[in-house]
Amino acid sequence: MPLTKAEVEHVARLARLELNENEKEQFTGQLNDILGFVEKLNQLDTASIEPTAHAIPVANVFRPDQLATSLEPDQALANAPDPVDDFFKVPKILEEEAE
């Protein structure tokens, strides 16, 4: 059952997206194409295939921790544009609320 333009408008509203008329028409067509491809996949016989989270086997690639020498503060800060003491000075990204 294909999606209607009204359903696309409803999903856009839920996602807080503002779509113009051209975008609504475009997304309606694109979503219907995607659902058509999914329907083709639903026709495949997957009864003998075990469910998986990945298409290929995945293993952790963690390595053991190893002690190593690190840079001295002067070396680490050598190219910093505006170091303060032994730290990198960065722009403030959070602001405190006034009470």
N, C-alpha and C. Protein backbone atom coordinates (compact mmCIF):
# COMPACT_ATOMS: atom_id res chain seq x y z
N MET A 1 0.84 -1.17 0.00
CA MET A 1 0.00 0.00 0.00
C MET A 1 0.90 1.24 0.00
N PRO A 2 0.84 2.03 -1.03
CA PRO A 2 1.72 3.20 -1.12
C PRO A 2 1.37 4.29 -0.09
N LEU A 3 2.39 5.05 0.27
CA LEU A 3 2.19 6.18 1.17
C LEU A 3 1.48 7.31 0.43
N THR A 4 0.65 8.01 1.16
CA THR A 4 -0.02 9.17 0.57
C THR A 4 0.74 10.44 0.96
N LYS A 5 0.43 11.50 0.26
CA LYS A 5 1.06 12.78 0.57
C LYS A 5 0.70 13.21 1.99
N ALA A 6 -0.51 12.91 2.43
CA ALA A 6 -0.94 13.26 3.78
C ALA A 6 -0.10 12.52 4.82
N GLU A 7 0.26 11.27 4.55
CA GLU A 7 1.10 10.52 5.49
C GLU A 7 2.52 11.10 5.54
N VAL A 8 3.03 11.53 4.40
CA VAL A 8 4.34 12.16 4.36
C VAL A 8 4.30 13.47 5.15
N GLU A 9 3.22 14.23 5.01
CA GLU A 9 3.07 15.48 5.77
C GLU A 9 3.04 15.18 7.26
N HIS A 10 2.35 14.09 7.64
CA HIS A 10 2.26 13.71 9.05
C HIS A 10 3.64 13.34 9.61
N VAL A 11 4.41 12.55 8.86
CA VAL A 11 5.75 12.16 9.30
C VAL A 11 6.65 13.39 9.38
N ALA A 12 6.54 14.29 8.41
CA ALA A 12 7.34 15.51 8.43
C ALA A 12 7.00 16.36 9.66
N ARG A 13 5.73 16.43 10.00
CA ARG A 13 5.31 17.19 11.18
C ARG A 13 5.89 16.55 12.44
N LEU A 14 5.86 15.22 12.53
CA LEU A 14 6.43 14.53 13.69
C LEU A 14 7.94 14.77 13.80
N ALA A 15 8.61 14.87 12.66
CA ALA A 15 10.05 15.09 12.64
C ALA A 15 10.39 16.58 12.71
N ARG A 16 9.38 17.41 12.84
CA ARG A 16 9.56 18.87 12.90
C ARG A 16 10.26 19.40 11.65
N LEU A 17 9.85 18.87 10.48
CA LEU A 17 10.39 19.32 9.21
C LEU A 17 9.36 20.16 8.48
N GLU A 18 9.81 21.24 7.91
CA GLU A 18 8.93 22.06 7.08
C GLU A 18 9.23 21.73 5.62
N LEU A 19 8.26 21.16 4.94
CA LEU A 19 8.44 20.79 3.54
C LEU A 19 7.56 21.65 2.66
N ASN A 20 8.10 22.08 1.51
CA ASN A 20 7.25 22.78 0.55
C ASN A 20 6.53 21.74 -0.30
N GLU A 21 5.66 22.17 -1.16
CA GLU A 21 4.85 21.24 -1.96
C GLU A 21 5.71 20.34 -2.84
N ASN A 22 6.76 20.92 -3.44
CA ASN A 22 7.63 20.11 -4.30
C ASN A 22 8.32 19.02 -3.50
N GLU A 23 8.79 19.36 -2.30
CA GLU A 23 9.46 18.38 -1.45
C GLU A 23 8.49 17.29 -1.01
N LYS A 24 7.26 17.65 -0.71
CA LYS A 24 6.26 16.65 -0.31
C LYS A 24 6.04 15.65 -1.44
N GLU A 25 5.92 16.16 -2.66
CA GLU A 25 5.72 15.27 -3.81
C GLU A 25 6.96 14.40 -4.02
N GLN A 26 8.13 15.02 -3.93
CA GLN A 26 9.39 14.30 -4.14
C GLN A 26 9.56 13.20 -3.09
N PHE A 27 9.36 13.53 -1.82
CA PHE A 27 9.54 12.55 -0.76
C PHE A 27 8.48 11.45 -0.82
N THR A 28 7.29 11.79 -1.23
CA THR A 28 6.25 10.77 -1.37
C THR A 28 6.70 9.73 -2.38
N GLY A 29 7.20 10.19 -3.52
CA GLY A 29 7.69 9.27 -4.55
C GLY A 29 8.88 8.46 -4.07
N GLN A 30 9.84 9.12 -3.44
CA GLN A 30 11.04 8.43 -2.98
C GLN A 30 10.72 7.40 -1.90
N LEU A 31 9.87 7.76 -0.96
CA LEU A 31 9.51 6.81 0.10
C LEU A 31 8.74 5.63 -0.46
N ASN A 32 7.89 5.86 -1.43
CA ASN A 32 7.18 4.75 -2.06
C ASN A 32 8.14 3.84 -2.82
N ASP A 33 9.16 4.40 -3.45
CA ASP A 33 10.18 3.58 -4.11
C ASP A 33 10.92 2.72 -3.09
N ILE A 34 11.29 3.32 -1.96
CA ILE A 34 11.99 2.57 -0.91
C ILE A 34 11.11 1.44 -0.38
N LEU A 35 9.84 1.74 -0.12
CA LEU A 35 8.93 0.70 0.38
C LEU A 35 8.74 -0.40 -0.66
N GLY A 36 8.78 -0.05 -1.94
CA GLY A 36 8.70 -1.06 -3.00
C GLY A 36 9.90 -2.00 -2.96
N PHE A 37 11.09 -1.45 -2.73
CA PHE A 37 12.29 -2.29 -2.62
C PHE A 37 12.21 -3.19 -1.39
N VAL A 38 11.70 -2.66 -0.28
CA VAL A 38 11.55 -3.46 0.94
C VAL A 38 10.56 -4.60 0.69
N GLU A 39 9.51 -4.32 -0.05
CA GLU A 39 8.53 -5.36 -0.36
C GLU A 39 9.17 -6.47 -1.18
N LYS A 40 10.06 -6.11 -2.10
CA LYS A 40 10.78 -7.14 -2.87
C LYS A 40 11.62 -7.99 -1.93
N LEU A 41 12.27 -7.37 -0.95
CA LEU A 41 13.07 -8.13 0.01
C LEU A 41 12.19 -9.05 0.85
N ASN A 42 10.98 -8.61 1.16
CA ASN A 42 10.07 -9.45 1.95
C ASN A 42 9.65 -10.71 1.19
N GLN A 43 9.81 -10.72 -0.11
CA GLN A 43 9.43 -11.89 -0.91
C GLN A 43 10.50 -12.98 -0.87
N LEU A 44 11.69 -12.66 -0.36
CA LEU A 44 12.76 -13.64 -0.29
C LEU A 44 12.49 -14.65 0.82
N ASP A 45 12.89 -15.90 0.57
CA ASP A 45 12.74 -16.95 1.58
C ASP A 45 13.96 -16.90 2.50
N THR A 46 13.77 -16.41 3.70
CA THR A 46 14.87 -16.30 4.66
C THR A 46 14.69 -17.23 5.85
N ALA A 47 13.84 -18.24 5.71
CA ALA A 47 13.54 -19.14 6.82
C ALA A 47 14.79 -19.87 7.32
N SER A 48 15.73 -20.19 6.43
CA SER A 48 16.91 -20.96 6.83
C SER A 48 18.10 -20.07 7.18
N ILE A 49 17.90 -18.76 7.19
CA ILE A 49 18.99 -17.85 7.48
C ILE A 49 18.87 -17.33 8.90
N GLU A 50 19.95 -17.48 9.65
CA GLU A 50 19.96 -17.05 11.05
C GLU A 50 20.03 -15.52 11.12
N PRO A 51 19.22 -14.90 12.00
CA PRO A 51 19.28 -13.45 12.14
C PRO A 51 20.66 -13.00 12.64
N THR A 52 21.12 -11.88 12.12
CA THR A 52 22.41 -11.35 12.53
C THR A 52 22.31 -9.84 12.70
N ALA A 53 23.26 -9.28 13.42
CA ALA A 53 23.32 -7.83 13.58
C ALA A 53 24.19 -7.20 12.51
N HIS A 54 25.09 -7.99 11.90
CA HIS A 54 25.99 -7.50 10.88
C HIS A 54 26.01 -8.47 9.71
N ALA A 55 26.31 -7.97 8.55
CA ALA A 55 26.37 -8.83 7.37
C ALA A 55 27.58 -9.74 7.39
N ILE A 56 28.64 -9.33 8.06
CA ILE A 56 29.85 -10.14 8.17
C ILE A 56 30.19 -10.29 9.64
N PRO A 57 30.94 -11.32 10.01
CA PRO A 57 31.32 -11.48 11.41
C PRO A 57 32.16 -10.30 11.88
N VAL A 58 31.86 -9.82 13.08
CA VAL A 58 32.58 -8.68 13.63
C VAL A 58 33.16 -9.10 14.98
N ALA A 59 34.43 -8.76 15.19
CA ALA A 59 35.07 -9.05 16.47
C ALA A 59 35.68 -7.76 17.00
N ASN A 60 35.78 -7.67 18.31
CA ASN A 60 36.42 -6.49 18.89
C ASN A 60 37.87 -6.42 18.44
N VAL A 61 38.31 -5.23 18.19
CA VAL A 61 39.69 -5.04 17.74
C VAL A 61 40.49 -4.28 18.79
N PHE A 62 40.15 -4.50 20.04
CA PHE A 62 40.86 -3.85 21.12
C PHE A 62 42.28 -4.38 21.20
N ARG A 63 43.19 -3.52 21.56
CA ARG A 63 44.57 -3.94 21.78
C ARG A 63 44.88 -3.73 23.25
N PRO A 64 45.83 -4.45 23.76
CA PRO A 64 46.18 -4.27 25.17
C PRO A 64 46.80 -2.89 25.39
N ASP A 65 46.56 -2.33 26.57
CA ASP A 65 47.19 -1.06 26.92
C ASP A 65 48.68 -1.26 27.07
N GLN A 66 49.44 -0.29 26.58
CA GLN A 66 50.88 -0.35 26.71
C GLN A 66 51.38 1.00 27.21
N LEU A 67 52.27 0.96 28.17
CA LEU A 67 52.87 2.19 28.66
C LEU A 67 53.79 2.75 27.59
N ALA A 68 53.70 4.05 27.40
CA ALA A 68 54.59 4.70 26.45
C ALA A 68 54.86 6.11 26.96
N THR A 69 55.94 6.65 26.51
CA THR A 69 56.23 8.02 26.93
C THR A 69 55.31 8.97 26.19
N SER A 70 54.90 10.02 26.86
CA SER A 70 54.04 11.00 26.22
C SER A 70 54.80 12.30 26.05
N LEU A 71 54.21 13.23 25.35
CA LEU A 71 54.85 14.51 25.09
C LEU A 71 54.94 15.32 26.37
N GLU A 72 56.00 16.07 26.46
CA GLU A 72 56.12 17.05 27.54
C GLU A 72 55.12 18.17 27.26
N PRO A 73 54.61 18.85 28.28
CA PRO A 73 53.63 19.92 28.04
C PRO A 73 54.13 20.96 27.04
N ASP A 74 55.40 21.33 27.09
CA ASP A 74 55.92 22.32 26.14
C ASP A 74 55.82 21.83 24.70
N GLN A 75 56.11 20.55 24.48
CA GLN A 75 56.01 19.98 23.14
C GLN A 75 54.55 19.91 22.67
N ALA A 76 53.67 19.48 23.57
CA ALA A 76 52.26 19.34 23.20
C ALA A 76 51.64 20.69 22.86
N LEU A 77 52.06 21.72 23.55
CA LEU A 77 51.48 23.05 23.35
C LEU A 77 52.25 23.90 22.34
N ALA A 78 53.27 23.35 21.71
CA ALA A 78 54.13 24.12 20.81
C ALA A 78 53.34 24.79 19.69
N ASN A 79 52.34 24.16 19.14
CA ASN A 79 51.57 24.73 18.03
C ASN A 79 50.21 25.26 18.45
N ALA A 80 49.93 25.28 19.74
CA ALA A 80 48.65 25.78 20.23
C ALA A 80 48.60 27.30 20.01
N PRO A 81 47.49 27.81 19.48
CA PRO A 81 47.42 29.24 19.22
C PRO A 81 47.40 30.10 20.47
N ASP A 82 46.84 29.60 21.56
CA ASP A 82 46.71 30.43 22.76
C ASP A 82 46.76 29.56 24.01
N PRO A 83 47.94 28.98 24.33
CA PRO A 83 48.00 28.13 25.53
C PRO A 83 47.93 28.96 26.81
N VAL A 84 47.38 28.35 27.86
CA VAL A 84 47.33 28.98 29.17
C VAL A 84 47.94 27.99 30.15
N ASP A 85 49.05 28.39 30.75
CA ASP A 85 49.81 27.51 31.63
C ASP A 85 50.14 26.23 30.87
N ASP A 86 49.71 25.08 31.39
CA ASP A 86 49.98 23.80 30.71
C ASP A 86 48.71 23.26 30.04
N PHE A 87 47.84 24.14 29.57
CA PHE A 87 46.56 23.72 29.01
C PHE A 87 46.31 24.37 27.65
N PHE A 88 45.45 23.74 26.86
CA PHE A 88 44.96 24.33 25.62
C PHE A 88 43.79 25.24 25.96
N LYS A 89 43.82 26.46 25.50
CA LYS A 89 42.69 27.36 25.70
C LYS A 89 41.77 27.20 24.49
N VAL A 90 40.49 26.92 24.77
CA VAL A 90 39.50 26.72 23.69
C VAL A 90 38.32 27.65 23.93
N PRO A 91 37.55 27.94 22.88
CA PRO A 91 36.38 28.80 23.06
C PRO A 91 35.33 28.14 23.95
N LYS A 92 34.64 28.96 24.72
CA LYS A 92 33.57 28.46 25.58
C LYS A 92 32.41 28.00 24.69
N ILE A 93 31.89 26.81 24.97
CA ILE A 93 30.76 26.31 24.17
C ILE A 93 29.48 26.21 24.99
N LEU A 94 29.60 26.24 26.28
CA LEU A 94 28.43 26.19 27.14
C LEU A 94 28.35 27.50 27.91
N GLU A 95 27.15 28.01 28.05
CA GLU A 95 26.99 29.23 28.80
C GLU A 95 26.20 28.96 30.06
N GLU A 96 26.60 29.60 31.13
CA GLU A 96 25.87 29.45 32.39
C GLU A 96 24.63 30.30 32.34
N GLU A 97 23.55 29.79 32.91
CA GLU A 97 22.31 30.56 32.93
C GLU A 97 22.35 31.53 34.08
N ALA A 98 21.91 32.75 33.82
CA ALA A 98 21.84 33.76 34.88
C ALA A 98 20.67 33.44 35.79
N GLU A 99 20.89 33.63 37.07
CA GLU A 99 19.81 33.34 38.03
C GLU A 99 19.05 34.58 38.37
